[in-house]
């Protein structure tokens, strides 16, 4: 059993994702794959990178859904259907269930900033953490047989050699619509916290009481077209 930090972390670094402006372009997925193939926890293997049945290891994926407005079971009856693009990666929970179940200490939460990571040298690929995660945010690398997950580009955000403006996760830097915001959720003055407060940001599946750092900003209401 792996223990969590005894005290609340002074920082709670995470992402705020604006579903109203995400266009599902997958720039975040590609940039994440590129950076982390050579960064912390590298490499991210591919079994079949091309073709109709693509398979490989990703730390960030974008799911797209068609949403019909309430009462509009027939498309267009109560407003036009909309496509919602939903990026998902590790949510860096305050109380991550993936950590205590790890038998080797490979899954751990950093005491200084709340980032949840995997030590590949200790991971035995048992998948206990993947079963414990209610968000399906971990993947087993098919080649290395160890678990992989979002690191918030920990090797990038603390890199003093980079300009301060570039010390952000690769996915945030790549997003063409600024749909991804990185910051300290514990700091009420951070851009991330202000976005949550101003736009009704929410955490996924609060009933699990994991208190994710990552939050989502909902789609803003648009009157039906006439």
Protein backbone atom coordinates (compact mmCIF):
# COMPACT_ATOMS: atom_id res chain seq x y z
CA UNK A 1 0.00 0.00 0.00
CA UNK A 2 1.32 3.43 -0.97
CA UNK A 3 0.66 6.30 1.41
CA UNK A 4 -0.60 9.72 0.36
CA UNK A 5 1.05 12.90 1.70
CA UNK A 6 0.18 13.36 5.36
CA UNK A 7 -0.74 17.03 4.91
CA UNK A 8 -2.71 18.83 2.17
CA UNK A 9 -0.38 19.97 -0.61
CA UNK A 10 0.37 23.73 -0.67
CA UNK A 11 -0.30 23.75 -4.41
CA UNK A 12 -2.90 21.88 -6.45
CA UNK A 13 -1.73 22.08 -10.03
CA UNK A 14 -4.20 21.08 -12.71
CA UNK A 15 -5.98 21.90 -15.94
CA UNK A 16 -9.19 23.76 -16.63
CA UNK A 17 -10.74 22.71 -19.94
CA UNK A 18 -13.29 24.97 -21.62
CA UNK A 19 -15.77 22.74 -23.46
CA UNK A 20 -17.33 25.80 -25.07
CA UNK A 21 -14.28 26.56 -27.19
CA UNK A 22 -12.68 23.13 -27.65
CA UNK A 23 -13.00 22.25 -31.33
CA UNK A 24 -11.72 18.67 -31.11
CA UNK A 25 -8.68 19.33 -33.29
CA UNK A 26 -6.49 16.90 -31.30
CA UNK A 27 -3.58 19.37 -31.19
CA UNK A 28 -3.38 18.67 -27.45
CA UNK A 29 -3.19 14.92 -28.10
CA UNK A 30 -0.45 15.24 -30.70
CA UNK A 31 1.65 17.69 -28.68
CA UNK A 32 1.28 15.55 -25.55
CA UNK A 33 2.42 12.47 -27.44
CA UNK A 34 5.37 14.31 -28.97
CA UNK A 35 6.60 15.89 -25.74
CA UNK A 36 6.15 12.88 -23.49
CA UNK A 37 7.69 10.44 -25.92
CA UNK A 38 10.93 12.16 -24.96
CA UNK A 39 10.00 13.45 -21.50
CA UNK A 40 9.12 12.03 -18.09
CA UNK A 41 8.00 8.43 -18.34
CA UNK A 42 9.15 8.09 -21.95
CA UNK A 43 8.61 6.54 -24.30
CA UNK A 44 4.96 6.18 -25.32
CA UNK A 45 4.90 3.14 -27.56
CA UNK A 46 2.71 2.54 -30.60
CA UNK A 47 1.57 -0.89 -31.72
CA UNK A 48 -0.27 0.28 -34.84
CA UNK A 49 0.19 4.03 -35.35
CA UNK A 50 -1.36 4.14 -38.83
CA UNK A 51 -4.43 2.73 -40.52
CA UNK A 52 -8.04 2.19 -39.55
CA UNK A 53 -7.36 0.41 -36.25
CA UNK A 54 -4.85 2.71 -34.55
CA UNK A 55 -3.47 1.51 -31.22
CA UNK A 56 -0.84 2.87 -28.90
CA UNK A 57 -0.26 4.63 -25.59
CA UNK A 58 -1.65 8.13 -25.05
CA UNK A 59 -1.74 10.31 -21.93
CA UNK A 60 -4.52 12.49 -23.29
CA UNK A 61 -7.48 11.58 -25.48
CA UNK A 62 -10.37 13.58 -26.96
CA UNK A 63 -13.83 12.02 -27.03
CA UNK A 64 -16.58 13.56 -29.18
CA UNK A 65 -20.31 13.26 -28.53
CA UNK A 66 -23.45 14.42 -30.30
CA UNK A 67 -25.75 16.08 -27.76
CA UNK A 68 -29.43 16.66 -28.46
CA UNK A 69 -31.09 19.40 -26.36
CA UNK A 70 -33.55 18.24 -23.70
CA UNK A 71 -36.90 17.57 -25.29
CA UNK A 72 -35.35 17.30 -28.73
CA UNK A 73 -35.29 13.56 -29.18
CA UNK A 74 -35.93 14.30 -32.83
CA UNK A 75 -32.92 16.26 -34.02
CA UNK A 76 -33.86 19.90 -34.51
CA UNK A 77 -37.20 19.67 -32.72
CA UNK A 78 -36.08 21.63 -29.66
CA UNK A 79 -32.90 23.06 -31.07
CA UNK A 80 -30.14 21.69 -33.20
CA UNK A 81 -27.93 18.88 -32.00
CA UNK A 82 -24.42 19.92 -30.99
CA UNK A 83 -21.09 18.17 -30.98
CA UNK A 84 -19.24 18.32 -27.68
CA UNK A 85 -15.53 17.53 -27.69
CA UNK A 86 -14.41 16.17 -24.33
CA UNK A 87 -10.64 15.93 -23.66
CA UNK A 88 -9.73 13.58 -20.83
CA UNK A 89 -6.51 12.73 -19.02
CA UNK A 90 -5.44 12.10 -15.43
CA UNK A 91 -7.27 14.56 -13.19
CA UNK A 92 -4.57 14.67 -10.46
CA UNK A 93 -7.01 14.09 -7.64
CA UNK A 94 -6.54 15.41 -4.13
CA UNK A 95 -7.51 11.96 -2.85
CA UNK A 96 -6.42 9.69 -5.73
CA UNK A 97 -7.67 6.09 -5.34
CA UNK A 98 -4.94 4.92 -7.73
CA UNK A 99 -2.18 5.59 -5.21
CA UNK A 100 -3.10 3.54 -2.11
CA UNK A 101 -3.76 0.39 -4.17
CA UNK A 102 -0.26 0.38 -5.70
CA UNK A 103 1.68 -2.53 -4.12
CA UNK A 104 5.14 -1.24 -5.03
CA UNK A 105 4.96 2.53 -4.47
CA UNK A 106 5.16 3.20 -8.19
CA UNK A 107 2.05 5.39 -8.11
CA UNK A 108 2.57 8.38 -5.89
CA UNK A 109 1.38 11.92 -5.24
CA UNK A 110 3.91 14.72 -4.91
CA UNK A 111 3.71 16.55 -1.58
CA UNK A 112 4.76 19.90 -3.03
CA UNK A 113 2.21 20.37 -5.82
CA UNK A 114 -0.28 17.47 -5.80
CA UNK A 115 0.82 16.03 -9.15
CA UNK A 116 0.18 12.27 -9.35
CA UNK A 117 2.93 10.32 -11.12
CA UNK A 118 4.14 6.80 -11.86
CA UNK A 119 7.71 5.65 -11.22
CA UNK A 120 8.27 3.31 -14.16
CA UNK A 121 11.21 1.65 -12.39
CA UNK A 122 8.89 0.42 -9.63
CA UNK A 123 5.81 -0.36 -11.74
CA UNK A 124 5.11 -4.07 -12.32
CA UNK A 125 2.14 -3.54 -14.65
CA UNK A 126 -0.40 -5.13 -12.29
CA UNK A 127 -3.11 -2.65 -13.39
CA UNK A 128 -4.45 -2.18 -9.83
CA UNK A 129 -4.25 1.59 -10.31
CA UNK A 130 -6.18 1.44 -13.59
CA UNK A 131 -8.96 -0.57 -11.94
CA UNK A 132 -9.09 1.87 -9.03
CA UNK A 133 -9.27 5.02 -11.21
CA UNK A 134 -12.95 5.93 -11.72
CA UNK A 135 -12.07 8.06 -14.75
CA UNK A 136 -10.23 5.49 -16.87
CA UNK A 137 -7.25 7.82 -17.05
CA UNK A 138 -4.39 5.28 -17.01
CA UNK A 139 -3.09 3.12 -19.82
CA UNK A 140 -0.75 0.14 -19.87
CA UNK A 141 2.10 0.67 -22.31
CA UNK A 142 1.92 -2.36 -24.58
CA UNK A 143 5.66 -2.47 -25.14
CA UNK A 144 7.06 -1.56 -21.74
CA UNK A 145 4.29 -3.25 -19.71
CA UNK A 146 4.12 -0.35 -17.25
CA UNK A 147 1.32 2.11 -16.54
CA UNK A 148 1.40 5.54 -18.17
CA UNK A 149 -0.59 8.66 -17.37
CA UNK A 150 -0.59 12.45 -17.70
CA UNK A 151 2.34 14.04 -15.84
CA UNK A 152 1.26 17.67 -16.38
CA UNK A 153 4.61 17.79 -18.22
CA UNK A 154 6.36 17.97 -14.84
CA UNK A 155 9.72 18.06 -16.57
CA UNK A 156 8.62 21.12 -18.55
CA UNK A 157 6.72 23.27 -16.04
CA UNK A 158 9.74 23.41 -13.70
CA UNK A 159 12.40 23.79 -16.40
CA UNK A 160 14.26 27.01 -15.49
CA UNK A 161 15.91 27.01 -18.93
CA UNK A 162 12.55 27.73 -20.57
CA UNK A 163 11.03 31.23 -20.64
CA UNK A 164 8.47 31.52 -17.87
CA UNK A 165 5.65 31.88 -20.41
CA UNK A 166 6.56 28.46 -21.83
CA UNK A 167 6.55 26.61 -18.49
CA UNK A 168 3.18 25.06 -19.17
CA UNK A 169 2.08 21.57 -20.24
CA UNK A 170 2.59 20.89 -23.93
CA UNK A 171 -1.16 20.49 -24.48
CA UNK A 172 -1.81 23.99 -23.13
CA UNK A 173 0.86 25.52 -25.35
CA UNK A 174 -0.53 23.78 -28.45
CA UNK A 175 -4.25 24.54 -28.06
CA UNK A 176 -5.27 26.95 -30.87
CA UNK A 177 -8.43 28.15 -29.09
CA UNK A 178 -7.02 28.55 -25.55
CA UNK A 179 -9.45 25.90 -24.35
CA UNK A 180 -6.89 24.62 -21.82
CA UNK A 181 -5.76 26.62 -18.79
CA UNK A 182 -3.01 25.49 -16.43
CA UNK A 183 -2.63 26.73 -12.89
CA UNK A 184 -2.86 26.29 -9.14
CA UNK A 185 -6.42 25.45 -8.15
CA UNK A 186 -5.59 26.30 -4.52
CA UNK A 187 -4.73 29.87 -5.50
CA UNK A 188 -7.99 31.85 -5.86
CA UNK A 189 -6.16 34.49 -7.91
CA UNK A 190 -4.78 32.07 -10.50
CA UNK A 191 -6.19 32.17 -14.02
CA UNK A 192 -7.46 28.62 -13.56
CA UNK A 193 -9.33 29.40 -10.34
CA UNK A 194 -10.83 32.57 -11.76
CA UNK A 195 -12.09 30.67 -14.82
CA UNK A 196 -13.75 28.07 -12.57
CA UNK A 197 -15.43 30.79 -10.49
CA UNK A 198 -16.57 32.91 -13.42
CA UNK A 199 -17.91 30.15 -15.67
CA UNK A 200 -19.28 27.57 -13.24
CA UNK A 201 -16.42 25.12 -13.59
CA UNK A 202 -17.04 21.64 -12.26
CA UNK A 203 -15.13 18.49 -11.37
CA UNK A 204 -16.03 15.12 -12.86
CA UNK A 205 -18.04 12.62 -10.82
CA UNK A 206 -17.98 14.42 -7.44
CA UNK A 207 -19.78 11.47 -5.88
CA UNK A 208 -16.44 9.63 -5.81
CA UNK A 209 -15.04 12.33 -3.48
CA UNK A 210 -11.63 12.24 -5.17
CA UNK A 211 -11.53 16.06 -5.47
CA UNK A 212 -9.85 16.30 -8.89
CA UNK A 213 -7.57 19.21 -9.66
CA UNK A 214 -8.77 19.25 -13.28
CA UNK A 215 -12.05 21.04 -13.90
CA UNK A 216 -14.29 21.60 -16.91
CA UNK A 217 -16.11 24.73 -18.01
CA UNK A 218 -19.57 23.90 -19.41
CA UNK A 219 -20.90 24.79 -22.82
CA UNK A 220 -22.59 28.18 -22.74
CA UNK A 221 -26.26 28.27 -23.74
CA UNK A 222 -26.99 29.29 -27.31
CA UNK A 223 -30.57 30.10 -28.38
CA UNK A 224 -31.92 27.63 -30.98
CA UNK A 225 -31.56 28.84 -34.55
CA UNK A 226 -34.81 29.79 -36.28
